[in-house]
Amino acid sequence: MDSTSSSCRCPGKGIARLVSGLAVAIAIVAASYVASAAYLKGKTFDRTISTTGSAERVIESDTAKWTTSFSRSVEPAMLKEGTAQLTEDTKAVIATL
């Protein structure tokens, strides 16, 4: 039998293919993770407005849309107290605005 034949049953050949396949699979998963993280990080900048230039007259704006969130962590046994604290937090935030 020819030693360059593709039907050679060399002991390390199957393991080498397995390792190569796993390396390619891991590389694809890692590249997908990096690409999705970059996409999601870029989406957070969609809510910014930047302007340059000058205006011919003074412009008055009376509308703004702000998105915000806040939270409070409590133990499961203290949910009633946590809800009361969150209600107070909401009042404090609204009073600040």
N, C-alpha and C. Protein backbone atom coordinates (compact mmCIF):
# COMPACT_ATOMS: atom_id res chain seq x y z
N MET A 1 0.84 -1.18 0.00
CA MET A 1 0.00 0.00 0.00
C MET A 1 0.88 1.23 0.00
N ASP A 2 0.48 2.26 -0.72
CA ASP A 2 1.22 3.51 -0.83
C ASP A 2 1.08 4.30 0.47
N SER A 3 2.19 4.87 0.96
CA SER A 3 2.16 5.59 2.23
C SER A 3 1.47 6.95 2.11
N THR A 4 1.25 7.46 0.88
CA THR A 4 0.57 8.75 0.69
C THR A 4 -0.90 8.57 0.42
N SER A 5 -1.41 7.38 0.51
CA SER A 5 -2.81 7.10 0.24
C SER A 5 -3.70 7.78 1.28
N SER A 6 -4.89 8.26 0.88
CA SER A 6 -5.80 8.95 1.78
C SER A 6 -6.51 7.99 2.72
N SER A 7 -6.40 6.71 2.48
CA SER A 7 -7.06 5.74 3.35
C SER A 7 -6.13 5.24 4.46
N CYS A 8 -5.05 5.96 4.69
CA CYS A 8 -4.09 5.58 5.73
C CYS A 8 -4.74 5.72 7.10
N ARG A 9 -4.62 4.72 7.92
CA ARG A 9 -5.17 4.75 9.26
C ARG A 9 -4.05 5.08 10.25
N CYS A 10 -3.53 6.28 10.14
CA CYS A 10 -2.47 6.71 11.05
C CYS A 10 -3.09 7.03 12.40
N PRO A 11 -2.48 6.66 13.51
CA PRO A 11 -3.09 6.82 14.82
C PRO A 11 -3.37 8.28 15.19
N GLY A 12 -2.55 9.24 14.83
CA GLY A 12 -2.73 10.62 15.24
C GLY A 12 -3.53 11.46 14.28
N LYS A 13 -3.88 10.92 13.11
CA LYS A 13 -4.56 11.71 12.09
C LYS A 13 -5.98 12.11 12.51
N GLY A 14 -6.73 11.21 13.09
CA GLY A 14 -8.09 11.50 13.51
C GLY A 14 -8.12 12.51 14.65
N ILE A 15 -7.18 12.40 15.57
CA ILE A 15 -7.12 13.34 16.69
C ILE A 15 -6.74 14.72 16.19
N ALA A 16 -5.84 14.80 15.22
CA ALA A 16 -5.44 16.08 14.66
C ALA A 16 -6.62 16.77 13.99
N ARG A 17 -7.43 15.99 13.26
CA ARG A 17 -8.61 16.56 12.61
C ARG A 17 -9.63 17.03 13.66
N LEU A 18 -9.79 16.26 14.71
CA LEU A 18 -10.71 16.63 15.78
C LEU A 18 -10.27 17.92 16.45
N VAL A 19 -9.00 18.02 16.76
CA VAL A 19 -8.47 19.23 17.40
C VAL A 19 -8.61 20.42 16.46
N SER A 20 -8.32 20.23 15.19
CA SER A 20 -8.46 21.32 14.22
C SER A 20 -9.92 21.76 14.12
N GLY A 21 -10.83 20.81 14.07
CA GLY A 21 -12.25 21.15 14.00
C GLY A 21 -12.72 21.90 15.23
N LEU A 22 -12.28 21.45 16.40
CA LEU A 22 -12.65 22.15 17.64
C LEU A 22 -12.08 23.56 17.67
N ALA A 23 -10.86 23.73 17.18
CA ALA A 23 -10.24 25.05 17.15
C ALA A 23 -11.04 25.99 16.24
N VAL A 24 -11.46 25.50 15.09
CA VAL A 24 -12.26 26.32 14.17
C VAL A 24 -13.61 26.65 14.81
N ALA A 25 -14.23 25.70 15.46
CA ALA A 25 -15.53 25.94 16.11
C ALA A 25 -15.41 26.98 17.21
N ILE A 26 -14.38 26.87 18.03
CA ILE A 26 -14.16 27.84 19.10
C ILE A 26 -13.88 29.22 18.52
N ALA A 27 -13.13 29.29 17.44
CA ALA A 27 -12.84 30.58 16.80
C ALA A 27 -14.11 31.22 16.26
N ILE A 28 -15.00 30.43 15.68
CA ILE A 28 -16.26 30.96 15.16
C ILE A 28 -17.13 31.49 16.30
N VAL A 29 -17.22 30.74 17.38
CA VAL A 29 -18.01 31.19 18.54
C VAL A 29 -17.42 32.47 19.12
N ALA A 30 -16.12 32.54 19.28
CA ALA A 30 -15.48 33.73 19.83
C ALA A 30 -15.69 34.94 18.92
N ALA A 31 -15.56 34.75 17.62
CA ALA A 31 -15.77 35.86 16.69
C ALA A 31 -17.22 36.33 16.72
N SER A 32 -18.16 35.42 16.84
CA SER A 32 -19.57 35.79 16.95
C SER A 32 -19.83 36.58 18.21
N TYR A 33 -19.23 36.16 19.32
CA TYR A 33 -19.40 36.88 20.58
C TYR A 33 -18.86 38.30 20.49
N VAL A 34 -17.67 38.45 19.94
CA VAL A 34 -17.05 39.77 19.82
C VAL A 34 -17.89 40.66 18.90
N ALA A 35 -18.37 40.12 17.80
CA ALA A 35 -19.17 40.91 16.87
C ALA A 35 -20.50 41.33 17.50
N SER A 36 -21.15 40.43 18.23
CA SER A 36 -22.43 40.79 18.85
C SER A 36 -22.23 41.79 19.98
N ALA A 37 -21.17 41.66 20.74
CA ALA A 37 -20.89 42.62 21.82
C ALA A 37 -20.63 44.01 21.23
N ALA A 38 -19.89 44.07 20.15
CA ALA A 38 -19.61 45.36 19.51
C ALA A 38 -20.90 45.97 18.95
N TYR A 39 -21.76 45.16 18.37
CA TYR A 39 -23.03 45.65 17.84
C TYR A 39 -23.91 46.20 18.96
N LEU A 40 -24.03 45.45 20.05
CA LEU A 40 -24.87 45.89 21.16
C LEU A 40 -24.31 47.13 21.84
N LYS A 41 -23.00 47.24 21.94
CA LYS A 41 -22.39 48.44 22.52
C LYS A 41 -22.64 49.65 21.62
N GLY A 42 -22.60 49.44 20.33
CA GLY A 42 -22.87 50.52 19.39
C GLY A 42 -24.31 50.98 19.44
N LYS A 43 -25.24 50.08 19.76
CA LYS A 43 -26.65 50.44 19.84
C LYS A 43 -26.93 51.41 20.99
N THR A 44 -26.11 51.43 22.03
CA THR A 44 -26.34 52.32 23.16
C THR A 44 -26.11 53.77 22.78
N PHE A 45 -25.41 54.03 21.71
CA PHE A 45 -25.13 55.39 21.30
C PHE A 45 -26.19 55.95 20.36
N ASP A 46 -27.27 55.19 20.09
CA ASP A 46 -28.31 55.65 19.18
C ASP A 46 -29.13 56.79 19.74
N ARG A 47 -29.08 57.03 21.03
CA ARG A 47 -29.94 58.02 21.65
C ARG A 47 -29.26 59.36 21.86
N THR A 48 -28.12 59.58 21.27
CA THR A 48 -27.43 60.85 21.43
C THR A 48 -27.68 61.74 20.22
N ILE A 49 -27.74 63.01 20.49
CA ILE A 49 -27.93 63.99 19.42
C ILE A 49 -26.75 64.95 19.49
N SER A 50 -26.13 65.16 18.38
CA SER A 50 -25.05 66.14 18.33
C SER A 50 -25.29 67.07 17.15
N THR A 51 -25.09 68.34 17.39
CA THR A 51 -25.30 69.33 16.33
C THR A 51 -24.08 70.23 16.24
N THR A 52 -23.85 70.70 15.06
CA THR A 52 -22.79 71.68 14.85
C THR A 52 -23.32 72.77 13.94
N GLY A 53 -22.69 73.89 13.99
CA GLY A 53 -23.12 74.98 13.13
C GLY A 53 -23.69 76.12 13.95
N SER A 54 -24.35 77.04 13.25
CA SER A 54 -24.93 78.19 13.93
C SER A 54 -26.36 78.37 13.47
N ALA A 55 -27.15 79.01 14.32
CA ALA A 55 -28.55 79.26 13.98
C ALA A 55 -28.72 80.73 13.59
N GLU A 56 -29.66 80.98 12.71
CA GLU A 56 -29.95 82.34 12.30
C GLU A 56 -30.74 83.09 13.37
N ARG A 57 -31.44 82.33 14.21
CA ARG A 57 -32.22 82.94 15.28
C ARG A 57 -32.20 82.01 16.49
N VAL A 58 -32.64 82.52 17.62
CA VAL A 58 -32.69 81.73 18.84
C VAL A 58 -33.83 80.72 18.73
N ILE A 59 -33.53 79.49 19.07
CA ILE A 59 -34.53 78.43 19.00
C ILE A 59 -34.84 78.00 20.44
N GLU A 60 -36.13 77.96 20.78
CA GLU A 60 -36.55 77.52 22.10
C GLU A 60 -37.13 76.13 22.00
N SER A 61 -36.63 75.23 22.81
CA SER A 61 -37.13 73.86 22.82
C SER A 61 -37.80 73.60 24.16
N ASP A 62 -39.02 73.10 24.13
CA ASP A 62 -39.72 72.84 25.37
C ASP A 62 -40.05 71.35 25.54
N THR A 63 -39.45 70.49 24.72
CA THR A 63 -39.72 69.06 24.80
C THR A 63 -38.40 68.30 24.86
N ALA A 64 -38.34 67.36 25.79
CA ALA A 64 -37.18 66.46 25.88
C ALA A 64 -37.69 65.10 26.31
N LYS A 65 -37.07 64.07 25.80
CA LYS A 65 -37.43 62.71 26.19
C LYS A 65 -36.21 62.08 26.83
N TRP A 66 -36.33 61.76 28.09
CA TRP A 66 -35.24 61.13 28.83
C TRP A 66 -35.68 59.75 29.24
N THR A 67 -34.80 58.80 29.09
CA THR A 67 -35.07 57.45 29.55
C THR A 67 -34.12 57.15 30.70
N THR A 68 -34.68 56.68 31.79
CA THR A 68 -33.85 56.38 32.96
C THR A 68 -34.42 55.16 33.68
N SER A 69 -33.64 54.60 34.55
CA SER A 69 -34.12 53.49 35.37
C SER A 69 -33.34 53.49 36.67
N PHE A 70 -33.95 52.93 37.69
CA PHE A 70 -33.27 52.73 38.95
C PHE A 70 -33.84 51.48 39.59
N SER A 71 -33.09 50.92 40.51
CA SER A 71 -33.51 49.67 41.14
C SER A 71 -33.02 49.62 42.57
N ARG A 72 -33.55 48.69 43.29
CA ARG A 72 -33.13 48.47 44.68
C ARG A 72 -33.09 46.97 44.90
N SER A 73 -32.03 46.49 45.51
CA SER A 73 -31.87 45.06 45.79
C SER A 73 -32.25 44.77 47.23
N VAL A 74 -33.11 43.80 47.40
CA VAL A 74 -33.51 43.37 48.74
C VAL A 74 -33.57 41.84 48.78
N GLU A 75 -33.52 41.32 49.97
CA GLU A 75 -33.67 39.88 50.15
C GLU A 75 -35.11 39.47 49.87
N PRO A 76 -35.38 38.26 49.42
CA PRO A 76 -36.75 37.84 49.12
C PRO A 76 -37.70 37.99 50.31
N ALA A 77 -37.20 37.82 51.52
CA ALA A 77 -38.06 37.94 52.69
C ALA A 77 -38.46 39.38 52.98
N MET A 78 -37.80 40.35 52.35
CA MET A 78 -38.07 41.77 52.62
C MET A 78 -38.69 42.47 51.42
N LEU A 79 -39.49 41.78 50.63
CA LEU A 79 -40.07 42.37 49.43
C LEU A 79 -41.00 43.54 49.74
N LYS A 80 -41.80 43.44 50.81
CA LYS A 80 -42.69 44.55 51.17
C LYS A 80 -41.90 45.81 51.49
N GLU A 81 -40.86 45.66 52.30
CA GLU A 81 -40.01 46.79 52.65
C GLU A 81 -39.31 47.35 51.42
N GLY A 82 -38.86 46.45 50.55
CA GLY A 82 -38.19 46.89 49.32
C GLY A 82 -39.13 47.66 48.41
N THR A 83 -40.38 47.23 48.32
CA THR A 83 -41.36 47.95 47.51
C THR A 83 -41.62 49.33 48.09
N ALA A 84 -41.72 49.43 49.41
CA ALA A 84 -41.92 50.73 50.06
C ALA A 84 -40.72 51.64 49.81
N GLN A 85 -39.52 51.09 49.90
CA GLN A 85 -38.31 51.88 49.65
C GLN A 85 -38.26 52.34 48.20
N LEU A 86 -38.65 51.49 47.29
CA LEU A 86 -38.65 51.85 45.87
C LEU A 86 -39.67 52.94 45.59
N THR A 87 -40.82 52.89 46.27
CA THR A 87 -41.83 53.94 46.13
C THR A 87 -41.26 55.27 46.62
N GLU A 88 -40.56 55.26 47.72
CA GLU A 88 -39.93 56.48 48.23
C GLU A 88 -38.85 56.97 47.27
N ASP A 89 -38.08 56.05 46.71
CA ASP A 89 -37.06 56.42 45.73
C ASP A 89 -37.69 57.09 44.51
N THR A 90 -38.83 56.55 44.05
CA THR A 90 -39.54 57.12 42.91
C THR A 90 -39.99 58.54 43.22
N LYS A 91 -40.53 58.75 44.41
CA LYS A 91 -40.95 60.11 44.82
C LYS A 91 -39.77 61.06 44.84
N ALA A 92 -38.62 60.60 45.34
CA ALA A 92 -37.43 61.44 45.41
C ALA A 92 -36.93 61.80 44.01
N VAL A 93 -36.96 60.85 43.10
CA VAL A 93 -36.52 61.12 41.72
C VAL A 93 -37.45 62.13 41.06
N ILE A 94 -38.76 61.94 41.20
CA ILE A 94 -39.73 62.85 40.59
C ILE A 94 -39.59 64.24 41.20
N ALA A 95 -39.35 64.34 42.50
CA ALA A 95 -39.18 65.64 43.14
C ALA A 95 -37.92 66.35 42.63
N THR A 96 -36.90 65.57 42.30
CA THR A 96 -35.65 66.16 41.79
C THR A 96 -35.84 66.73 40.40
N LEU A 97 -36.69 66.10 39.61
CA LEU A 97 -36.92 66.57 38.24
C LEU A 97 -37.70 67.85 38.29
